[in-house]
Amino acid sequence: MLHSTSLVLFESTDATTVLSDPVNEDWLAVVGGVSGELYEGISRRYYLALSHFRGQRRRSPLPGGKEVSASGRQEALEAVLSEMEERKRADKVVASRDAPAVFVEVRPDPQDETLPEALRDFSKPPPSLRDLLAGPGRPPCDSLCLMRAFLAAPLLGVGDSPKDVYRLLRSNPTFARACGFLGREALKQLGELSSRRLPGLSTCEEFSEVMTRYGLWQLARIEQVVENLTSGVVELEDTLAFDTTHLEANSHCSSVVVHDATSEDKKTTQRKVPRVRKTCECGRANWETCGHPWVPTDQGAAVVVKGPTRVYWAHKASIASLGNSEVPIDARSLQHAADHDSRTLIPHLKLLLRDLPLVLSMLLFILADDGYQGQKEAVARLHDKARLILPVHPNGRSKEKLAQEFAGIDRFTPTGVPVCDEGHRFVMRGRDLTNERYIWSAPDDEAGQSVCVGCPLATSCLTKGTRRHIRVDRSEFPPIDWDQPQHLAREKARYQRRTGVERAIKRIKVDLHGEHLTHRDGPRVQAHLDRKLLIIHLLLKADSG
């Protein structure tokens, strides 16, 4: 017999039991890490930015925001496409002064005289809390409590959007108390200048917007990385690895039909661009006729192609990680996701030189994949001690005639590795500096002996000795770096560390749920990445202590 049952909802208020559970160790470590002089300074800058933000009559556009003047929606979409095409043409002249900026810049404009000095220049100390908050009026919500909530929420499987954080604070009293909040009806405590009452949704949204618009998430992340490096929590290394990754956009795209004027058949293609809208108060029904400018609904999103069948409407970011520890130290969101990967390396190094000069002071090796070809000279000009290490770019030309010049060699791979008639890939042993040739020899077997010893074809290619050697002219394979050949054992071992940046990306996107964007526009995507890196470095700091 079936009995009807009803759900019993209960709430645990035994905070001691919950907080001592090892399952909660990670998010509690992040909550405990948001304290001290570093975050007190961030907190004071936040209150300064909050005052400036509330004092604006009209909310200014996000940094890097675009406005399009057009008579209708379709014309606005075509204007957005024209801007994208103009950017693509500028890609071909990377060194040009007129080339557009690659990365989103979230720092406040240093030339904006309406901003307080401590926000225009982060090297200037902000005023004290008493100078900022003392006086009449309702006290603002405590910024450190809010910062703890936004950073710890992803470790509980919750997103870091204002709505998700608001719901978590309201539904989990233990989490709210751990972050420093006192309850829904809490009054201001004696001596406190801010309120620790549970925030409303509008307060969470305002906090997220202010921290993003004034670059405070990025400032907190950079200062925490610097603190970890200088204190030894993260060991300084001489190797950096770079790669790009995509984050699927929280938006939809529109199609613009493009006519091919050069085609006799008058073929048409469709190009994807962000949707457009207006921010005026004329009402959606009047957008087509009012004179206010159109703005993209998700500035920076574009079609990102990661493979023949992997095409995304997404944002793109460049990630830099340490070569040995695989710790990500920097992440930058691109202004336009369709930019080629090769455009990101030099601008990213320049930003590291500005924000993390300590890292570049020891830099000797930069590891990157084949998409960064052609950047070696630019890297050498920017950092004379650093060397860019790339894989050999495959050469599609047939080397059949070259293989016939060597007895026992069946073919050369597209990257220049000889393969013998028995199918063994040869190993580069060194260089003949006098004649400018690469020296290759047969590999060893599992017993450590040359594979030629037991090879049935050895008599047809060996004239002396027990190991087949060949020498190949340097000019036959220009993609191989003559000074530091990528096929040498030491170079191969060094380059194998490049995959560490892919594991660093996995920590950001998978472990911390960073692949799911709840925000739109490049500056908010940058703040999203800054929070993920900040969480990682807070956990590293807690683990070392």
Protein backbone atom coordinates (compact mmCIF):
# COMPACT_ATOMS: atom_id res chain seq x y z
CA MET A 1 0.00 0.00 0.00
CA LEU A 2 1.32 3.41 -0.96
CA HIS A 3 1.30 6.09 1.72
CA SER A 4 1.20 9.75 0.81
CA THR A 5 4.25 11.63 2.06
CA SER A 6 5.05 15.31 2.15
CA LEU A 7 8.45 16.98 1.86
CA VAL A 8 9.95 18.24 5.09
CA LEU A 9 12.09 21.35 4.62
CA PHE A 10 14.48 22.16 7.41
CA GLU A 11 17.34 24.57 7.95
CA SER A 12 20.49 23.83 9.91
CA THR A 13 21.50 26.68 12.18
CA ASP A 14 24.37 24.81 13.83
CA ALA A 15 27.09 26.92 12.24
CA THR A 16 29.92 25.24 14.20
CA THR A 17 29.11 21.82 12.75
CA VAL A 18 28.80 23.17 9.23
CA LEU A 19 31.98 25.23 9.33
CA SER A 20 34.06 22.33 10.67
CA ASP A 21 32.98 20.04 7.82
CA PRO A 22 35.97 19.41 5.47
CA VAL A 23 33.61 19.77 2.51
CA ASN A 24 33.41 23.49 3.23
CA GLU A 25 37.15 23.99 3.58
CA ASP A 26 37.73 25.67 0.19
CA TRP A 27 35.08 28.36 0.29
CA LEU A 28 35.86 29.13 3.91
CA ALA A 29 39.50 29.61 2.93
CA VAL A 30 38.44 32.17 0.31
CA VAL A 31 36.21 33.94 2.84
CA GLY A 32 39.07 34.07 5.34
CA GLY A 33 41.52 35.29 2.71
CA VAL A 34 39.56 38.49 1.96
CA SER A 35 40.99 40.48 4.83
CA GLY A 36 44.02 42.52 5.76
CA GLU A 37 45.56 45.73 4.48
CA LEU A 38 45.29 44.78 0.80
CA TYR A 39 41.52 44.35 0.87
CA GLU A 40 41.02 47.29 3.21
CA GLY A 41 42.51 49.45 0.46
CA ILE A 42 40.23 47.87 -2.15
CA SER A 43 37.27 48.48 0.16
CA ARG A 44 38.07 52.17 0.54
CA ARG A 45 38.41 52.58 -3.24
CA TYR A 46 35.04 50.87 -3.63
CA TYR A 47 33.28 53.37 -1.36
CA LEU A 48 34.98 56.19 -3.28
CA ALA A 49 33.83 54.69 -6.58
CA LEU A 50 30.33 54.09 -5.18
CA SER A 51 30.00 57.77 -4.30
CA HIS A 52 31.14 58.79 -7.78
CA PHE A 53 28.82 56.24 -9.42
CA ARG A 54 25.77 57.42 -7.48
CA GLY A 55 26.59 61.03 -8.23
CA GLN A 56 26.27 60.56 -12.00
CA ARG A 57 23.07 61.87 -13.51
CA ARG A 58 23.20 59.34 -16.33
CA ARG A 59 25.07 56.06 -16.32
CA SER A 60 28.05 56.33 -18.65
CA PRO A 61 28.74 53.53 -21.18
CA LEU A 62 31.16 50.78 -20.25
CA PRO A 63 34.82 51.26 -21.25
CA GLY A 64 35.26 50.44 -24.92
CA GLY A 65 31.53 50.60 -25.60
CA LYS A 66 30.45 51.36 -29.16
CA GLU A 67 27.57 53.52 -30.31
CA VAL A 68 26.23 53.39 -33.85
CA SER A 69 24.22 56.18 -35.45
CA ALA A 70 21.81 54.68 -37.96
CA SER A 71 18.26 55.28 -39.15
CA GLY A 72 17.16 51.68 -38.55
CA ARG A 73 18.14 48.39 -37.00
CA GLN A 74 19.32 46.80 -40.24
CA GLU A 75 21.52 49.79 -41.05
CA ALA A 76 22.95 49.61 -37.53
CA LEU A 77 23.81 45.93 -37.97
CA GLU A 78 25.57 46.72 -41.25
CA ALA A 79 27.55 49.48 -39.50
CA VAL A 80 28.66 47.01 -36.82
CA LEU A 81 29.79 44.62 -39.56
CA SER A 82 31.71 47.44 -41.29
CA GLU A 83 33.53 48.16 -38.04
CA MET A 84 34.43 44.47 -37.74
CA GLU A 85 35.76 44.44 -41.32
CA GLU A 86 37.82 47.56 -40.66
CA ARG A 87 39.31 45.86 -37.63
CA LYS A 88 40.19 42.82 -39.71
CA ARG A 89 42.04 45.03 -42.21
CA ALA A 90 43.98 46.59 -39.33
CA ASP A 91 45.04 43.09 -38.26
CA LYS A 92 47.30 42.95 -41.29
CA VAL A 93 49.26 45.95 -40.03
CA VAL A 94 49.80 44.96 -36.41
CA ALA A 95 52.62 47.43 -35.86
CA SER A 96 50.58 50.39 -37.07
CA ARG A 97 49.82 53.07 -34.53
CA ASP A 98 46.29 53.20 -35.89
CA ALA A 99 45.67 49.51 -35.16
CA PRO A 100 42.82 49.08 -32.66
CA ALA A 101 43.52 47.96 -29.10
CA VAL A 102 43.39 44.20 -28.63
CA PHE A 103 42.28 43.85 -25.01
CA VAL A 104 39.49 45.33 -22.94
CA GLU A 105 40.79 48.08 -20.67
CA VAL A 106 38.79 48.19 -17.45
CA ARG A 107 40.86 50.75 -15.59
CA PRO A 108 39.27 54.22 -15.27
CA ASP A 109 40.46 56.83 -17.72
CA PRO A 110 43.44 58.64 -16.10
CA GLN A 111 42.52 61.79 -18.05
CA ASP A 112 38.99 61.94 -16.61
CA GLU A 113 39.10 64.92 -14.26
CA THR A 114 35.67 64.08 -12.82
CA LEU A 115 37.14 61.00 -11.12
CA PRO A 116 38.80 61.20 -7.69
CA GLU A 117 42.59 60.97 -7.88
CA ALA A 118 42.69 57.58 -6.11
CA LEU A 119 40.56 56.10 -8.91
CA ARG A 120 42.45 57.72 -11.80
CA ASP A 121 45.79 56.57 -10.38
CA PHE A 122 45.82 53.37 -8.31
CA SER A 123 49.25 54.25 -6.94
CA LYS A 124 47.61 57.06 -4.91
CA PRO A 125 46.18 55.99 -1.52
CA PRO A 126 42.41 56.40 -1.05
CA PRO A 127 40.97 58.45 1.84
CA SER A 128 40.36 56.80 5.18
CA LEU A 129 37.07 55.07 5.91
CA ARG A 130 36.05 57.77 8.36
CA ASP A 131 36.58 60.48 5.77
CA LEU A 132 34.55 58.48 3.25
CA LEU A 133 31.64 57.23 5.38
CA ALA A 134 31.31 59.44 8.45
CA GLY A 135 28.41 61.84 8.49
CA PRO A 136 24.64 61.72 8.01
CA GLY A 137 22.89 59.35 5.68
CA ARG A 138 22.27 55.65 5.36
CA PRO A 139 25.52 53.64 5.56
CA PRO A 140 26.42 51.51 2.52
CA CYS A 141 26.52 47.73 2.67
CA ASP A 142 29.87 46.40 3.86
CA SER A 143 32.05 45.89 0.77
CA LEU A 144 34.30 43.20 2.28
CA CYS A 145 31.25 41.06 3.16
CA LEU A 146 29.97 41.43 -0.39
CA MET A 147 33.38 40.65 -1.88
CA ARG A 148 33.60 37.44 0.18
CA ALA A 149 30.16 36.39 -1.01
CA PHE A 150 30.91 36.98 -4.70
CA LEU A 151 34.22 35.10 -4.51
CA ALA A 152 33.07 32.16 -2.40
CA ALA A 153 29.78 31.50 -4.20
CA PRO A 154 31.33 29.64 -7.20
CA LEU A 155 32.95 27.15 -4.80
CA LEU A 156 29.48 26.17 -3.62
CA GLY A 157 28.39 25.41 -7.17
CA VAL A 158 26.60 28.74 -7.53
CA GLY A 159 27.22 31.33 -10.24
CA ASP A 160 28.78 34.68 -9.47
CA SER A 161 26.00 36.82 -10.93
CA PRO A 162 24.36 39.30 -8.52
CA LYS A 163 21.10 37.32 -8.59
CA ASP A 164 22.84 34.03 -7.73
CA VAL A 165 24.80 35.61 -4.87
CA TYR A 166 21.67 37.31 -3.52
CA ARG A 167 19.75 34.02 -3.50
CA LEU A 168 22.61 32.18 -1.82
CA LEU A 169 22.86 34.77 0.96
CA ARG A 170 19.14 34.60 1.60
CA SER A 171 18.88 30.80 1.50
CA ASN A 172 22.04 29.86 3.41
CA PRO A 173 22.33 31.63 6.78
CA THR A 174 25.60 29.89 7.63
CA PHE A 175 27.20 31.17 4.43
CA ALA A 176 25.92 34.69 5.10
CA ARG A 177 27.29 34.68 8.65
CA ALA A 178 30.65 33.34 7.44
CA CYS A 179 30.86 36.24 4.97
CA GLY A 180 30.28 38.68 7.83
CA PHE A 181 26.59 39.53 7.47
CA LEU A 182 24.52 39.71 10.67
CA GLY A 183 21.00 39.08 9.35
CA ARG A 184 18.09 40.65 7.53
CA GLU A 185 17.10 43.06 10.28
CA ALA A 186 20.54 43.78 11.72
CA LEU A 187 21.20 47.31 12.91
CA LYS A 188 24.44 49.20 12.52
CA GLN A 189 26.89 48.17 15.23
CA LEU A 190 28.60 50.67 17.48
CA GLY A 191 31.71 52.02 15.78
CA GLU A 192 30.84 50.57 12.37
CA LEU A 193 30.72 52.88 9.37
CA SER A 194 29.05 50.39 7.02
CA SER A 195 26.02 48.12 7.30
CA ARG A 196 26.23 44.35 7.64
CA ARG A 197 22.53 43.76 7.10
CA LEU A 198 21.80 41.21 4.40
CA PRO A 199 21.82 43.08 1.07
CA GLY A 200 18.95 43.28 -1.38
CA LEU A 201 19.22 42.32 -5.04
CA SER A 202 19.73 45.94 -6.12
CA THR A 203 22.65 46.27 -3.70
CA CYS A 204 24.33 43.16 -5.10
CA GLU A 205 23.82 44.44 -8.65
CA GLU A 206 25.23 47.84 -7.73
CA PHE A 207 28.28 46.29 -6.06
CA SER A 208 29.04 44.13 -9.10
CA GLU A 209 28.63 47.09 -11.47
CA VAL A 210 30.87 49.45 -9.47
CA MET A 211 33.62 46.84 -9.00
CA THR A 212 33.54 46.19 -12.76
CA ARG A 213 33.30 49.76 -14.07
CA TYR A 214 36.16 51.06 -11.96
CA GLY A 215 38.48 48.08 -12.49
CA LEU A 216 38.51 47.05 -8.83
CA TRP A 217 38.19 43.31 -9.49
CA GLN A 218 41.27 43.48 -11.67
CA LEU A 219 43.14 45.59 -9.11
CA ALA A 220 42.36 43.07 -6.35
CA ARG A 221 43.48 40.17 -8.55
CA ILE A 222 46.76 41.83 -9.57
CA GLU A 223 47.62 42.82 -6.00
CA GLN A 224 46.89 39.29 -4.74
CA VAL A 225 49.09 37.78 -7.46
CA VAL A 226 51.91 40.20 -6.58
CA GLU A 227 51.55 39.35 -2.89
CA ASN A 228 51.71 35.61 -3.63
CA LEU A 229 54.81 36.06 -5.79
CA THR A 230 56.70 38.28 -3.36
CA SER A 231 55.84 36.14 -0.32
CA GLY A 232 56.86 32.88 -2.00
CA VAL A 233 53.38 31.36 -2.08
CA VAL A 234 53.88 31.13 -5.86
CA GLU A 235 57.47 30.62 -6.94
CA LEU A 236 58.84 32.93 -9.62
CA GLU A 237 59.84 31.09 -12.80
CA ASP A 238 61.70 31.85 -16.00
CA THR A 239 59.01 30.33 -18.26
CA LEU A 240 55.55 31.57 -19.24
CA ALA A 241 52.99 29.74 -21.37
CA PHE A 242 50.32 31.56 -23.40
CA ASP A 243 47.13 30.40 -25.05
CA THR A 244 43.66 31.68 -25.86
CA THR A 245 40.34 30.22 -24.85
CA HIS A 246 36.70 30.94 -25.62
CA LEU A 247 33.79 31.62 -23.27
CA GLU A 248 30.37 31.05 -24.82
CA ALA A 249 28.49 34.34 -24.85
CA ASN A 250 25.33 34.89 -22.85
CA SER A 251 23.66 36.45 -25.89
CA HIS A 252 22.36 35.83 -29.39
CA CYS A 253 23.68 37.11 -32.70
CA SER A 254 22.09 38.60 -35.80
CA SER A 255 22.83 37.87 -39.44
CA VAL A 256 23.83 40.43 -42.03
CA VAL A 257 23.57 39.46 -45.69
CA VAL A 258 26.71 40.39 -47.64
CA HIS A 259 26.76 40.52 -51.45
CA ASP A 260 29.97 39.49 -53.20
CA ALA A 261 30.53 42.23 -55.79
CA THR A 262 33.39 40.32 -57.45
CA SER A 263 31.30 37.23 -58.14
CA GLU A 264 29.50 36.91 -61.47
CA ASP A 265 26.82 34.76 -59.84
CA LYS A 266 26.16 37.55 -57.28
CA LYS A 267 26.56 35.11 -54.40
CA THR A 268 25.49 36.18 -50.96
CA THR A 269 26.84 35.16 -47.58
CA GLN A 270 25.66 35.75 -44.04
CA ARG A 271 27.90 37.27 -41.40
CA LYS A 272 27.19 37.10 -37.67
CA VAL A 273 27.24 40.29 -35.58
CA PRO A 274 25.93 41.16 -32.09
CA ARG A 275 22.32 42.22 -31.86
CA VAL A 276 21.70 45.95 -31.33
CA ARG A 277 19.36 47.90 -29.09
CA LYS A 278 18.87 51.41 -27.70
CA THR A 279 19.26 52.61 -24.13
CA CYS A 280 16.99 55.64 -24.47
CA GLU A 281 13.59 56.02 -22.83
CA CYS A 282 11.70 56.32 -26.12
CA GLY A 283 10.42 52.76 -25.86
CA ARG A 284 11.16 49.77 -28.01
CA ALA A 285 8.32 50.54 -30.35
CA ASN A 286 9.95 53.87 -31.27
CA TRP A 287 13.54 52.69 -31.72
CA GLU A 288 13.28 52.67 -35.51
CA THR A 289 12.28 56.34 -35.65
CA CYS A 290 14.01 58.05 -32.70
CA GLY A 291 17.42 59.62 -33.28
CA HIS A 292 19.32 58.01 -30.38
CA PRO A 293 22.31 55.77 -31.20
CA TRP A 294 22.21 51.98 -31.29
CA VAL A 295 24.51 49.90 -29.09
CA PRO A 296 25.50 46.20 -29.42
CA THR A 297 23.85 43.99 -26.81
CA ASP A 298 27.09 42.07 -26.18
CA GLN A 299 30.11 44.12 -27.17
CA GLY A 300 33.10 41.91 -28.01
CA ALA A 301 31.26 38.69 -28.83
CA ALA A 302 31.90 37.16 -32.25
CA VAL A 303 32.14 33.86 -34.07
CA VAL A 304 35.09 31.86 -32.70
CA VAL A 305 36.27 28.90 -34.76
CA LYS A 306 38.12 26.25 -32.74
CA GLY A 307 37.91 23.45 -35.30
CA PRO A 308 36.01 22.21 -38.36
CA THR A 309 32.96 21.36 -36.28
CA ARG A 310 33.58 23.60 -33.26
CA VAL A 311 32.16 27.03 -34.01
CA TYR A 312 30.92 29.21 -31.14
CA TRP A 313 29.29 32.55 -30.56
CA ALA A 314 31.62 33.55 -27.78
CA HIS A 315 34.10 35.89 -26.15
CA LYS A 316 37.81 35.15 -26.29
CA ALA A 317 40.49 35.57 -23.63
CA SER A 318 44.27 35.27 -23.53
CA ILE A 319 45.66 33.31 -20.56
CA ALA A 320 49.22 33.42 -19.19
CA SER A 321 50.45 30.73 -16.77
CA LEU A 322 53.76 29.79 -15.17
CA GLY A 323 55.58 27.01 -17.01
CA ASN A 324 56.39 24.64 -14.14
CA SER A 325 53.66 25.16 -11.52
CA GLU A 326 50.95 25.72 -14.19
CA VAL A 327 49.48 28.52 -12.07
CA PRO A 328 47.54 31.09 -14.13
CA ILE A 329 48.74 34.59 -13.33
CA ASP A 330 46.90 36.72 -15.88
CA ALA A 331 43.80 36.63 -18.08
CA ARG A 332 42.72 39.30 -20.54
CA SER A 333 39.45 39.54 -22.43
CA LEU A 334 39.71 40.54 -26.09
CA GLN A 335 37.78 43.54 -27.39
CA HIS A 336 36.78 41.48 -30.40
CA ALA A 337 36.65 37.69 -30.16
CA ALA A 338 37.34 37.16 -33.87
CA ASP A 339 40.88 38.63 -33.60
CA HIS A 340 43.59 36.15 -34.55
CA ASP A 341 45.58 34.59 -31.69
CA SER A 342 48.86 36.01 -33.02
CA ARG A 343 47.65 39.54 -32.26
CA THR A 344 47.38 38.86 -28.53
CA LEU A 345 50.94 37.95 -27.51
CA ILE A 346 52.78 41.29 -27.70
CA PRO A 347 49.92 43.37 -26.19
CA HIS A 348 49.62 40.79 -23.39
CA LEU A 349 53.34 40.99 -22.65
CA LYS A 350 53.10 44.79 -22.52
CA LEU A 351 50.27 44.56 -19.98
CA LEU A 352 52.32 42.13 -17.89
CA LEU A 353 55.24 44.56 -18.05
CA ARG A 354 52.92 47.26 -16.69
CA ASP A 355 51.02 45.26 -14.06
CA LEU A 356 53.38 42.38 -13.12
CA PRO A 357 56.93 43.56 -13.90
CA LEU A 358 58.27 41.11 -11.32
CA VAL A 359 57.25 38.21 -13.57
CA LEU A 360 59.00 39.58 -16.64
CA SER A 361 62.20 40.36 -14.74
CA MET A 362 63.07 36.64 -14.71
CA LEU A 363 61.48 35.69 -18.03
CA LEU A 364 63.66 33.65 -20.40
CA PHE A 365 61.24 31.39 -22.29
CA ILE A 366 57.77 31.98 -23.72
CA LEU A 367 55.85 28.88 -24.78
CA ALA A 368 53.03 29.15 -27.31
CA ASP A 369 51.36 27.07 -30.00
CA ASP A 370 51.52 27.34 -33.77
CA GLY A 371 48.97 30.14 -33.88
CA TYR A 372 51.62 32.59 -32.65
CA GLN A 373 53.94 32.15 -35.65
CA GLY A 374 55.71 35.30 -36.81
CA GLN A 375 56.05 36.88 -33.36
CA LYS A 376 59.68 36.01 -32.55
CA GLU A 377 61.19 39.28 -33.70
CA ALA A 378 58.52 41.34 -31.93
CA VAL A 379 59.18 39.42 -28.69
CA ALA A 380 62.93 40.02 -29.05
CA ARG A 381 62.35 43.77 -29.48
CA LEU A 382 60.11 43.93 -26.43
CA HIS A 383 62.17 41.69 -24.13
CA ASP A 384 65.72 41.03 -25.29
CA LYS A 385 66.28 38.22 -22.77
CA ALA A 386 63.14 36.23 -23.56
CA ARG A 387 62.90 33.67 -26.37
CA LEU A 388 59.65 32.59 -27.98
CA ILE A 389 59.47 28.81 -28.37
CA LEU A 390 57.04 27.52 -30.99
CA PRO A 391 56.49 24.11 -32.59
CA VAL A 392 57.80 23.49 -36.10
CA HIS A 393 55.28 24.80 -38.59
CA PRO A 394 54.36 21.84 -40.84
CA ASN A 395 55.64 22.03 -44.41
CA GLY A 396 53.17 20.55 -46.89
CA ARG A 397 55.67 20.25 -49.73
CA SER A 398 56.73 16.76 -50.71
CA LYS A 399 60.25 15.74 -49.68
CA GLU A 400 60.22 12.51 -51.69
CA LYS A 401 63.32 13.45 -53.71
CA LEU A 402 65.19 14.38 -50.54
CA ALA A 403 64.32 11.03 -48.94
CA GLN A 404 65.67 9.20 -51.98
CA GLU A 405 69.09 10.75 -51.42
CA PHE A 406 69.49 8.76 -48.18
CA ALA A 407 69.62 4.96 -48.21
CA GLY A 408 67.04 3.40 -45.91
CA ILE A 409 64.98 6.62 -45.46
CA ASP A 410 61.37 6.25 -46.55
CA ARG A 411 60.10 9.81 -46.04
CA PHE A 412 60.29 13.04 -44.05
CA THR A 413 57.35 14.16 -41.91
CA PRO A 414 55.88 17.65 -42.52
CA THR A 415 57.89 18.89 -39.51
CA GLY A 416 61.17 17.52 -40.90
CA VAL A 417 61.64 14.25 -38.98
CA PRO A 418 63.19 11.40 -41.07
CA VAL A 419 61.34 8.07 -41.02
CA CYS A 420 63.21 4.94 -42.09
CA ASP A 421 61.90 2.07 -44.24
CA GLU A 422 61.11 0.10 -41.08
CA GLY A 423 58.92 2.95 -39.77
CA HIS A 424 61.25 4.28 -37.05
CA ARG A 425 61.25 8.05 -36.50
CA PHE A 426 64.81 9.35 -36.23
CA VAL A 427 66.09 11.50 -33.36
CA MET A 428 67.97 14.78 -33.80
CA ARG A 429 71.39 14.51 -32.14
CA GLY A 430 72.88 17.91 -32.93
CA ARG A 431 74.13 20.19 -35.70
CA ASP A 432 77.04 20.30 -38.11
CA LEU A 433 77.95 23.95 -37.69
CA THR A 434 80.56 23.96 -40.46
CA ASN A 435 78.28 22.66 -43.21
CA GLU A 436 75.03 23.88 -41.61
CA ARG A 437 73.35 20.50 -41.40
CA TYR A 438 71.11 18.76 -38.88
CA ILE A 439 72.41 15.44 -37.56
CA TRP A 440 69.81 12.67 -37.22
CA SER A 441 70.21 9.10 -36.04
CA ALA A 442 68.07 6.03 -35.44
CA PRO A 443 66.37 5.87 -32.01
CA ASP A 444 66.92 3.37 -29.20
CA ASP A 445 64.69 0.42 -28.46
CA GLU A 446 63.21 -0.50 -25.08
CA ALA A 447 66.47 -2.16 -24.04
CA GLY A 448 68.44 1.02 -24.73
CA GLN A 449 70.13 -0.32 -27.88
CA SER A 450 69.88 1.10 -31.38
CA VAL A 451 66.87 -0.22 -33.29
CA CYS A 452 69.26 -0.88 -36.16
CA VAL A 453 70.87 -3.79 -34.26
CA GLY A 454 67.95 -6.15 -34.83
CA CYS A 455 66.52 -4.51 -37.95
CA PRO A 456 66.16 -6.90 -40.95
CA LEU A 457 66.81 -3.97 -43.34
CA ALA A 458 70.03 -2.83 -41.66
CA THR A 459 72.28 -4.36 -44.34
CA SER A 460 70.65 -2.22 -47.03
CA CYS A 461 71.30 1.14 -45.31
CA LEU A 462 74.19 0.63 -42.85
CA THR A 463 77.67 0.82 -44.33
CA LYS A 464 79.53 1.07 -41.02
CA GLY A 465 78.74 1.09 -37.34
CA THR A 466 75.56 -0.15 -35.70
CA ARG A 467 73.36 2.95 -35.95
CA ARG A 468 72.10 4.78 -39.04
CA HIS A 469 73.06 8.47 -39.19
CA ILE A 470 72.13 11.10 -41.76
CA ARG A 471 72.86 14.81 -42.17
CA VAL A 472 70.21 17.08 -43.69
CA ASP A 473 70.89 20.57 -45.00
CA ARG A 474 69.45 23.35 -42.90
CA SER A 475 67.95 24.99 -45.99
CA GLU A 476 65.63 22.01 -46.59
CA PHE A 477 63.54 22.80 -43.50
CA PRO A 478 63.44 26.58 -42.81
CA PRO A 479 60.69 26.27 -40.14
CA ILE A 480 63.17 24.49 -37.82
CA ASP A 481 64.90 27.06 -35.61
CA TRP A 482 68.59 26.73 -36.40
CA ASP A 483 69.79 28.33 -33.15
CA GLN A 484 67.45 26.27 -30.95
CA PRO A 485 66.16 23.29 -33.00
CA GLN A 486 62.78 22.21 -31.69
CA HIS A 487 63.59 18.52 -32.30
CA LEU A 488 66.49 18.43 -29.85
CA ALA A 489 65.67 16.52 -26.66
CA ARG A 490 66.19 19.50 -24.36
CA GLU A 491 63.98 21.75 -26.49
CA LYS A 492 61.25 19.12 -26.75
CA ALA A 493 61.28 18.66 -22.97
CA ARG A 494 60.99 22.41 -22.45
CA TYR A 495 58.17 22.82 -24.96
CA GLN A 496 56.17 19.97 -23.41
CA ARG A 497 55.43 22.34 -20.52
CA ARG A 498 53.29 24.47 -22.84
CA THR A 499 50.31 22.18 -22.22
CA GLY A 500 50.33 23.43 -18.64
CA VAL A 501 48.43 26.53 -19.77
CA GLU A 502 45.63 24.25 -21.00
CA ARG A 503 45.32 22.76 -17.53
CA ALA A 504 45.32 26.30 -16.10
CA ILE A 505 42.44 27.14 -18.44
CA LYS A 506 40.64 24.01 -17.26
CA ARG A 507 40.89 25.22 -13.64
CA ILE A 508 39.30 28.52 -14.63
CA LYS A 509 36.59 27.20 -16.91
CA VAL A 510 35.69 23.80 -15.43
CA ASP A 511 36.77 23.68 -11.79
CA LEU A 512 35.44 27.18 -11.05
CA HIS A 513 32.54 27.09 -13.54
CA GLY A 514 34.12 29.96 -15.49
CA GLU A 515 32.90 28.73 -18.87
CA HIS A 516 29.33 29.78 -18.08
CA LEU A 517 29.02 33.54 -18.56
CA THR A 518 26.18 35.26 -16.76
CA HIS A 519 27.33 38.69 -17.96
CA ARG A 520 27.56 40.53 -21.27
CA ASP A 521 30.09 42.96 -22.77
CA GLY A 522 33.88 42.76 -22.64
CA PRO A 523 34.48 44.63 -19.34
CA ARG A 524 32.11 42.33 -17.48
CA VAL A 525 33.75 39.27 -19.04
CA GLN A 526 37.10 40.65 -17.86
CA ALA A 527 35.73 41.07 -14.33
CA HIS A 528 34.45 37.48 -14.52
CA LEU A 529 37.96 36.24 -15.34
CA ASP A 530 39.55 38.42 -12.67
CA ARG A 531 37.31 36.87 -10.02
CA LYS A 532 38.27 33.35 -11.10
CA LEU A 533 41.99 34.10 -10.91
CA LEU A 534 41.53 35.85 -7.59
CA ILE A 535 39.82 32.73 -6.18
CA ILE A 536 42.70 30.54 -7.37
CA HIS A 537 45.33 32.75 -5.71
CA LEU A 538 43.35 33.04 -2.48
CA LEU A 539 43.22 29.22 -2.33
CA LEU A 540 46.97 29.02 -3.00
CA LYS A 541 47.61 31.49 -0.20
CA ALA A 542 45.43 29.53 2.21
CA ASP A 543 47.08 26.23 1.22
CA SER A 544 50.57 27.63 1.89
CA GLY A 545 49.66 28.92 5.33
